C-alpha atoms as a PDB file:
ATOM      1  CA  UNK A   1      -9.926 -12.411  -6.923  1.00  0.00           C
ATOM      2  CA  UNK A   2      -6.607 -13.294  -5.270  1.00  0.00           C
ATOM      3  CA  UNK A   3      -3.724 -11.232  -6.017  1.00  0.00           C
ATOM      4  CA  UNK A   4      -0.026 -11.821  -5.035  1.00  0.00           C
ATOM      5  CA  UNK A   5       2.640  -9.257  -4.735  1.00  0.00           C
ATOM      6  CA  UNK A   6       6.412 -10.653  -5.450  1.00  0.00           C
ATOM      7  CA  UNK A   7       9.215  -8.143  -4.609  1.00  0.00           C
ATOM      8  CA  UNK A   8      12.718  -9.258  -5.679  1.00  0.00           C
ATOM      9  CA  UNK A   9      14.687  -7.470  -2.705  1.00  0.00           C
ATOM     10  CA  UNK A  10      16.411  -8.323   0.412  1.00  0.00           C
ATOM     11  CA  UNK A  11      15.279  -9.431   3.133  1.00  0.00           C
ATOM     12  CA  UNK A  12      12.568 -11.366   1.393  1.00  0.00           C
ATOM     13  CA  UNK A  13      12.879 -14.579  -0.155  1.00  0.00           C
ATOM     14  CA  UNK A  14      14.033 -14.931  -3.724  1.00  0.00           C
ATOM     15  CA  UNK A  15      11.311 -13.922  -6.244  1.00  0.00           C
ATOM     16  CA  UNK A  16      11.166 -17.369  -7.667  1.00  0.00           C
ATOM     17  CA  UNK A  17      10.278 -18.783  -4.046  1.00  0.00           C
ATOM     18  CA  UNK A  18       7.751 -16.121  -3.426  1.00  0.00           C
ATOM     19  CA  UNK A  19       6.175 -16.723  -6.894  1.00  0.00           C
ATOM     20  CA  UNK A  20       6.072 -20.243  -6.328  1.00  0.00           C
ATOM     21  CA  UNK A  21       4.263 -20.094  -2.899  1.00  0.00           C
ATOM     22  CA  UNK A  22       1.766 -17.555  -4.287  1.00  0.00           C
ATOM     23  CA  UNK A  23       1.054 -19.842  -7.275  1.00  0.00           C
ATOM     24  CA  UNK A  24       0.536 -22.687  -4.803  1.00  0.00           C
ATOM     25  CA  UNK A  25      -1.986 -20.558  -2.682  1.00  0.00           C
ATOM     26  CA  UNK A  26      -4.039 -20.066  -5.937  1.00  0.00           C
ATOM     27  CA  UNK A  27      -3.373 -16.321  -6.929  1.00  0.00           C
ATOM     28  CA  UNK A  28      -5.207 -15.223  -9.922  1.00  0.00           C
ATOM     29  CA  UNK A  29      -2.961 -12.168 -10.580  1.00  0.00           C
ATOM     30  CA  UNK A  30       0.817 -12.057  -9.477  1.00  0.00           C
ATOM     31  CA  UNK A  31       2.419  -8.759  -9.695  1.00  0.00           C
ATOM     32  CA  UNK A  32       6.348  -9.102  -9.687  1.00  0.00           C
ATOM     33  CA  UNK A  33       8.467  -6.106  -8.964  1.00  0.00           C
ATOM     34  CA  UNK A  34      12.182  -5.776  -8.225  1.00  0.00           C
ATOM     35  CA  UNK A  35      13.961  -2.857  -6.951  1.00  0.00           C
ATOM     36  CA  UNK A  36      11.619   0.116  -5.792  1.00  0.00           C
ATOM     37  CA  UNK A  37      11.198   2.544  -8.749  1.00  0.00           C
ATOM     38  CA  UNK A  38       8.426   5.139  -9.539  1.00  0.00           C
ATOM     39  CA  UNK A  39       7.250   2.968 -12.202  1.00  0.00           C
ATOM     40  CA  UNK A  40       6.983  -0.113 -10.006  1.00  0.00           C
ATOM     41  CA  UNK A  41       5.201   1.917  -7.390  1.00  0.00           C
ATOM     42  CA  UNK A  42       2.708   3.188  -9.989  1.00  0.00           C
ATOM     43  CA  UNK A  43       2.118  -0.479 -11.133  1.00  0.00           C
ATOM     44  CA  UNK A  44       1.461  -1.708  -7.478  1.00  0.00           C
ATOM     45  CA  UNK A  45      -0.806   1.381  -6.857  1.00  0.00           C
ATOM     46  CA  UNK A  46      -2.743   0.588 -10.077  1.00  0.00           C
ATOM     47  CA  UNK A  47      -3.308  -3.022  -8.565  1.00  0.00           C
ATOM     48  CA  UNK A  48      -4.344  -1.851  -5.096  1.00  0.00           C
ATOM     49  CA  UNK A  49      -6.905   0.816  -6.640  1.00  0.00           C
ATOM     50  CA  UNK A  50      -8.659  -2.110  -8.279  1.00  0.00           C
ATOM     51  CA  UNK A  51      -9.084  -4.100  -5.168  1.00  0.00           C
ATOM     52  CA  UNK A  52     -12.671  -4.946  -4.323  1.00  0.00           C
ATOM     53  CA  UNK A  53     -14.795  -6.287  -1.278  1.00  0.00           C
ATOM     54  CA  UNK A  54     -13.866  -9.933  -0.900  1.00  0.00           C
ATOM     55  CA  UNK A  55     -10.514  -9.800  -2.938  1.00  0.00           C
ATOM     56  CA  UNK A  56      -7.479 -11.186  -1.206  1.00  0.00           C
ATOM     57  CA  UNK A  57      -3.861  -9.545  -1.276  1.00  0.00           C
ATOM     58  CA  UNK A  58      -1.191 -12.148  -0.458  1.00  0.00           C
ATOM     59  CA  UNK A  59       2.375 -11.342   0.147  1.00  0.00           C
ATOM     60  CA  UNK A  60       5.306 -13.452   1.678  1.00  0.00           C
ATOM     61  CA  UNK A  61       6.120 -10.537   4.151  1.00  0.00           C
ATOM     62  CA  UNK A  62       4.713  -6.948   4.736  1.00  0.00           C
ATOM     63  CA  UNK A  63       7.904  -5.918   3.569  1.00  0.00           C
ATOM     64  CA  UNK A  64       6.645  -6.653   0.095  1.00  0.00           C
ATOM     65  CA  UNK A  65       4.607  -3.445   0.207  1.00  0.00           C
ATOM     66  CA  UNK A  66       7.905  -1.639   0.621  1.00  0.00           C
ATOM     67  CA  UNK A  67       6.343   1.198   2.916  1.00  0.00           C
ATOM     68  CA  UNK A  68       7.178   2.821   6.305  1.00  0.00           C
ATOM     69  CA  UNK A  69       5.109   1.515   9.115  1.00  0.00           C
ATOM     70  CA  UNK A  70       3.005   4.461   9.056  1.00  0.00           C
ATOM     71  CA  UNK A  71       2.344   4.284   5.224  1.00  0.00           C
ATOM     72  CA  UNK A  72       1.557   0.419   5.860  1.00  0.00           C
ATOM     73  CA  UNK A  73      -0.879   0.949   8.634  1.00  0.00           C
ATOM     74  CA  UNK A  74      -2.762   3.467   6.317  1.00  0.00           C
ATOM     75  CA  UNK A  75      -2.799   0.944   3.422  1.00  0.00           C
ATOM     76  CA  UNK A  76      -3.941  -2.122   5.603  1.00  0.00           C
ATOM     77  CA  UNK A  77      -6.718   0.130   6.897  1.00  0.00           C
ATOM     78  CA  UNK A  78      -7.895   1.229   3.455  1.00  0.00           C
ATOM     79  CA  UNK A  79      -7.828  -2.433   2.250  1.00  0.00           C
ATOM     80  CA  UNK A  80      -9.941  -3.505   5.193  1.00  0.00           C
ATOM     81  CA  UNK A  81     -12.373  -0.835   4.990  1.00  0.00           C
ATOM     82  CA  UNK A  82     -13.277  -1.878   1.446  1.00  0.00           C
ATOM     83  CA  UNK A  83     -13.693  -5.367   2.595  1.00  0.00           C
ATOM     84  CA  UNK A  84     -10.484  -6.999   1.352  1.00  0.00           C
ATOM     85  CA  UNK A  85      -8.307  -9.535   3.218  1.00  0.00           C
ATOM     86  CA  UNK A  86      -4.616  -9.262   3.407  1.00  0.00           C
ATOM     87  CA  UNK A  87      -2.602 -12.671   3.964  1.00  0.00           C
ATOM     88  CA  UNK A  88       0.899 -12.668   5.084  1.00  0.00           C
ATOM     89  CA  UNK A  89       2.520 -16.035   4.158  1.00  0.00           C
ATOM     90  CA  UNK A  90       5.214 -16.783   6.264  1.00  0.00           C
ATOM     91  CA  UNK A  91       7.299 -19.886   6.358  1.00  0.00           C
ATOM     92  CA  UNK A  92       5.338 -23.149   6.071  1.00  0.00           C
ATOM     93  CA  UNK A  93       2.221 -22.315   7.955  1.00  0.00           C
ATOM     94  CA  UNK A  94      -0.935 -20.886   6.522  1.00  0.00           C
ATOM     95  CA  UNK A  95       0.417 -17.398   7.587  1.00  0.00           C
ATOM     96  CA  UNK A  96      -1.556 -14.599   9.122  1.00  0.00           C
ATOM     97  CA  UNK A  97      -4.754 -13.247   7.657  1.00  0.00           C
ATOM     98  CA  UNK A  98      -6.029  -9.784   8.235  1.00  0.00           C
ATOM     99  CA  UNK A  99      -9.663  -9.903   7.579  1.00  0.00           C
ATOM    100  CA  UNK A 100     -12.273  -6.979   7.707  1.00  0.00           C
ATOM    101  CA  UNK A 101     -13.683  -6.817  11.166  1.00  0.00           C
ATOM    102  CA  UNK A 102     -14.914  -3.779  13.133  1.00  0.00           C
ATOM    103  CA  UNK A 103     -11.793  -4.321  15.976  1.00  0.00           C
ATOM    104  CA  UNK A 104      -9.099  -4.642  13.080  1.00  0.00           C
ATOM    105  CA  UNK A 105     -10.275  -1.731  11.167  1.00  0.00           C
ATOM    106  CA  UNK A 106     -10.686   0.576  14.451  1.00  0.00           C
ATOM    107  CA  UNK A 107      -7.272  -0.322  15.465  1.00  0.00           C
ATOM    108  CA  UNK A 108      -5.651   0.483  12.257  1.00  0.00           C
ATOM    109  CA  UNK A 109      -7.915   3.652  11.849  1.00  0.00           C
ATOM    110  CA  UNK A 110      -6.631   4.891  15.296  1.00  0.00           C
ATOM    111  CA  UNK A 111      -3.008   4.052  14.120  1.00  0.00           C
ATOM    112  CA  UNK A 112      -3.437   5.803  10.660  1.00  0.00           C
ATOM    113  CA  UNK A 113      -4.827   8.939  12.385  1.00  0.00           C
ATOM    114  CA  UNK A 114      -1.870   9.054  14.832  1.00  0.00           C
ATOM    115  CA  UNK A 115       0.455   8.724  11.815  1.00  0.00           C
ATOM    116  CA  UNK A 116      -1.603  11.484   9.940  1.00  0.00           C
ATOM    117  CA  UNK A 117      -1.333  13.923  13.035  1.00  0.00           C
ATOM    118  CA  UNK A 118       2.233  13.497  14.241  1.00  0.00           C
ATOM    119  CA  UNK A 119       4.683  15.999  12.938  1.00  0.00           C
ATOM    120  CA  UNK A 120       6.951  14.556   9.990  1.00  0.00           C
ATOM    121  CA  UNK A 121      10.150  13.634  11.320  1.00  0.00           C
ATOM    122  CA  UNK A 122      12.819  12.789   8.618  1.00  0.00           C
ATOM    123  CA  UNK A 123      14.030   9.419   8.786  1.00  0.00           C
ATOM    124  CA  UNK A 124      17.507   8.241   7.836  1.00  0.00           C
ATOM    125  CA  UNK A 125      17.979   7.639   4.196  1.00  0.00           C
ATOM    126  CA  UNK A 126      18.614   3.846   3.391  1.00  0.00           C
ATOM    127  CA  UNK A 127      19.439   2.404   0.003  1.00  0.00           C
ATOM    128  CA  UNK A 128      16.248   1.282  -1.667  1.00  0.00           C
ATOM    129  CA  UNK A 129      13.896   3.223   0.138  1.00  0.00           C
ATOM    130  CA  UNK A 130      12.053   5.811  -1.937  1.00  0.00           C
ATOM    131  CA  UNK A 131      11.773   9.093  -0.342  1.00  0.00           C
ATOM    132  CA  UNK A 132      13.946   8.058   2.704  1.00  0.00           C
ATOM    133  CA  UNK A 133      11.226   8.391   5.324  1.00  0.00           C
ATOM    134  CA  UNK A 134      10.206  12.022   4.525  1.00  0.00           C
ATOM    135  CA  UNK A 135       7.369  13.087   2.111  1.00  0.00           C
ATOM    136  CA  UNK A 136       7.636  16.145  -0.141  1.00  0.00           C
ATOM    137  CA  UNK A 137       4.759  18.441  -0.913  1.00  0.00           C
ATOM    138  CA  UNK A 138       3.249  17.565  -4.136  1.00  0.00           C
ATOM    139  CA  UNK A 139       4.417  19.856  -6.969  1.00  0.00           C
ATOM    140  CA  UNK A 140       2.110  22.666  -8.558  1.00  0.00           C
ATOM    141  CA  UNK A 141       1.492  20.367 -11.654  1.00  0.00           C
ATOM    142  CA  UNK A 142       0.544  17.150  -9.187  1.00  0.00           C
ATOM    143  CA  UNK A 143      -1.544  19.586  -7.082  1.00  0.00           C
ATOM    144  CA  UNK A 144      -3.283  20.468 -10.274  1.00  0.00           C
ATOM    145  CA  UNK A 145      -3.623  16.675 -11.561  1.00  0.00           C
ATOM    146  CA  UNK A 146      -4.976  15.995  -8.060  1.00  0.00           C
ATOM    147  CA  UNK A 147      -7.629  18.534  -8.365  1.00  0.00           C
ATOM    148  CA  UNK A 148      -8.631  17.469 -11.977  1.00  0.00           C
ATOM    149  CA  UNK A 149      -9.019  13.718 -10.769  1.00  0.00           C
ATOM    150  CA  UNK A 150     -11.074  14.881  -7.907  1.00  0.00           C
ATOM    151  CA  UNK A 151     -13.266  16.856 -10.172  1.00  0.00           C
ATOM    152  CA  UNK A 152     -13.694  13.687 -12.435  1.00  0.00           C
ATOM    153  CA  UNK A 153     -15.098  11.939  -9.587  1.00  0.00           C
ATOM    154  CA  UNK A 154     -11.908  10.049  -8.221  1.00  0.00           C
ATOM    155  CA  UNK A 155     -11.831   9.185  -4.444  1.00  0.00           C
ATOM    156  CA  UNK A 156      -9.550  11.054  -2.001  1.00  0.00           C
ATOM    157  CA  UNK A 157      -8.201   7.540  -1.085  1.00  0.00           C
ATOM    158  CA  UNK A 158      -7.403   6.813  -4.963  1.00  0.00           C
ATOM    159  CA  UNK A 159      -5.674   9.933  -5.320  1.00  0.00           C
ATOM    160  CA  UNK A 160      -3.804   9.549  -2.114  1.00  0.00           C
ATOM    161  CA  UNK A 161      -2.695   6.157  -3.219  1.00  0.00           C
ATOM    162  CA  UNK A 162      -1.418   7.546  -6.549  1.00  0.00           C
ATOM    163  CA  UNK A 163       0.778  10.241  -4.720  1.00  0.00           C
ATOM    164  CA  UNK A 164       1.390   8.029  -1.808  1.00  0.00           C
ATOM    165  CA  UNK A 165      -0.185  10.428   0.689  1.00  0.00           C
ATOM    166  CA  UNK A 166      -3.447  10.261   3.141  1.00  0.00           C
ATOM    167  CA  UNK A 167      -6.693  11.164   1.834  1.00  0.00           C
ATOM    168  CA  UNK A 168      -6.479  13.948   4.522  1.00  0.00           C
ATOM    169  CA  UNK A 169      -3.445  15.438   2.976  1.00  0.00           C
ATOM    170  CA  UNK A 170      -4.961  15.152  -0.507  1.00  0.00           C
ATOM    171  CA  UNK A 171      -7.878  17.216   0.968  1.00  0.00           C
ATOM    172  CA  UNK A 172      -5.498  19.900   2.553  1.00  0.00           C
ATOM    173  CA  UNK A 173      -3.783  20.272  -0.891  1.00  0.00           C
ATOM    174  CA  UNK A 174      -6.798  20.513  -3.418  1.00  0.00           C
ATOM    175  CA  UNK A 175      -9.489  21.827  -0.992  1.00  0.00           C
ATOM    176  CA  UNK A 176     -12.970  22.659  -2.582  1.00  0.00           C
END
């Protein structure tokens, strides 16, 4: 399956231009989101939960994921580890394809581990950026829900994507 992600925010091209480009690339499913909100992030995470080996995720820019660099590295690592390809369509070229390979996954794993281990530093708050760069701990209710999902067999990766934290952070919070 080919999944396309359209975001209607600056500095990306217009939503119509993104949609047209993704349709021209033969996307089976196109998810279109405007300004970031909790609901739009949930919908995007739901799409990303369903990605399987051999699927492609197409975006007109990495900015379409609306993630910090560290969060983006972790997401790309997760997608490559499950065997999905990420294509970034820039300009009139075919763009750049990040395909599952041992070297790409290894580099992204090293960067993701670095991001997880480094102490959190609050970033500047910018309009349109959820959380402003620093993550809050999960509430008691979110932690309880994460434990329930884990007990029901959900992976740490899936739970982490839901709450936008790393699988290691999920494990630290729910422990067993």
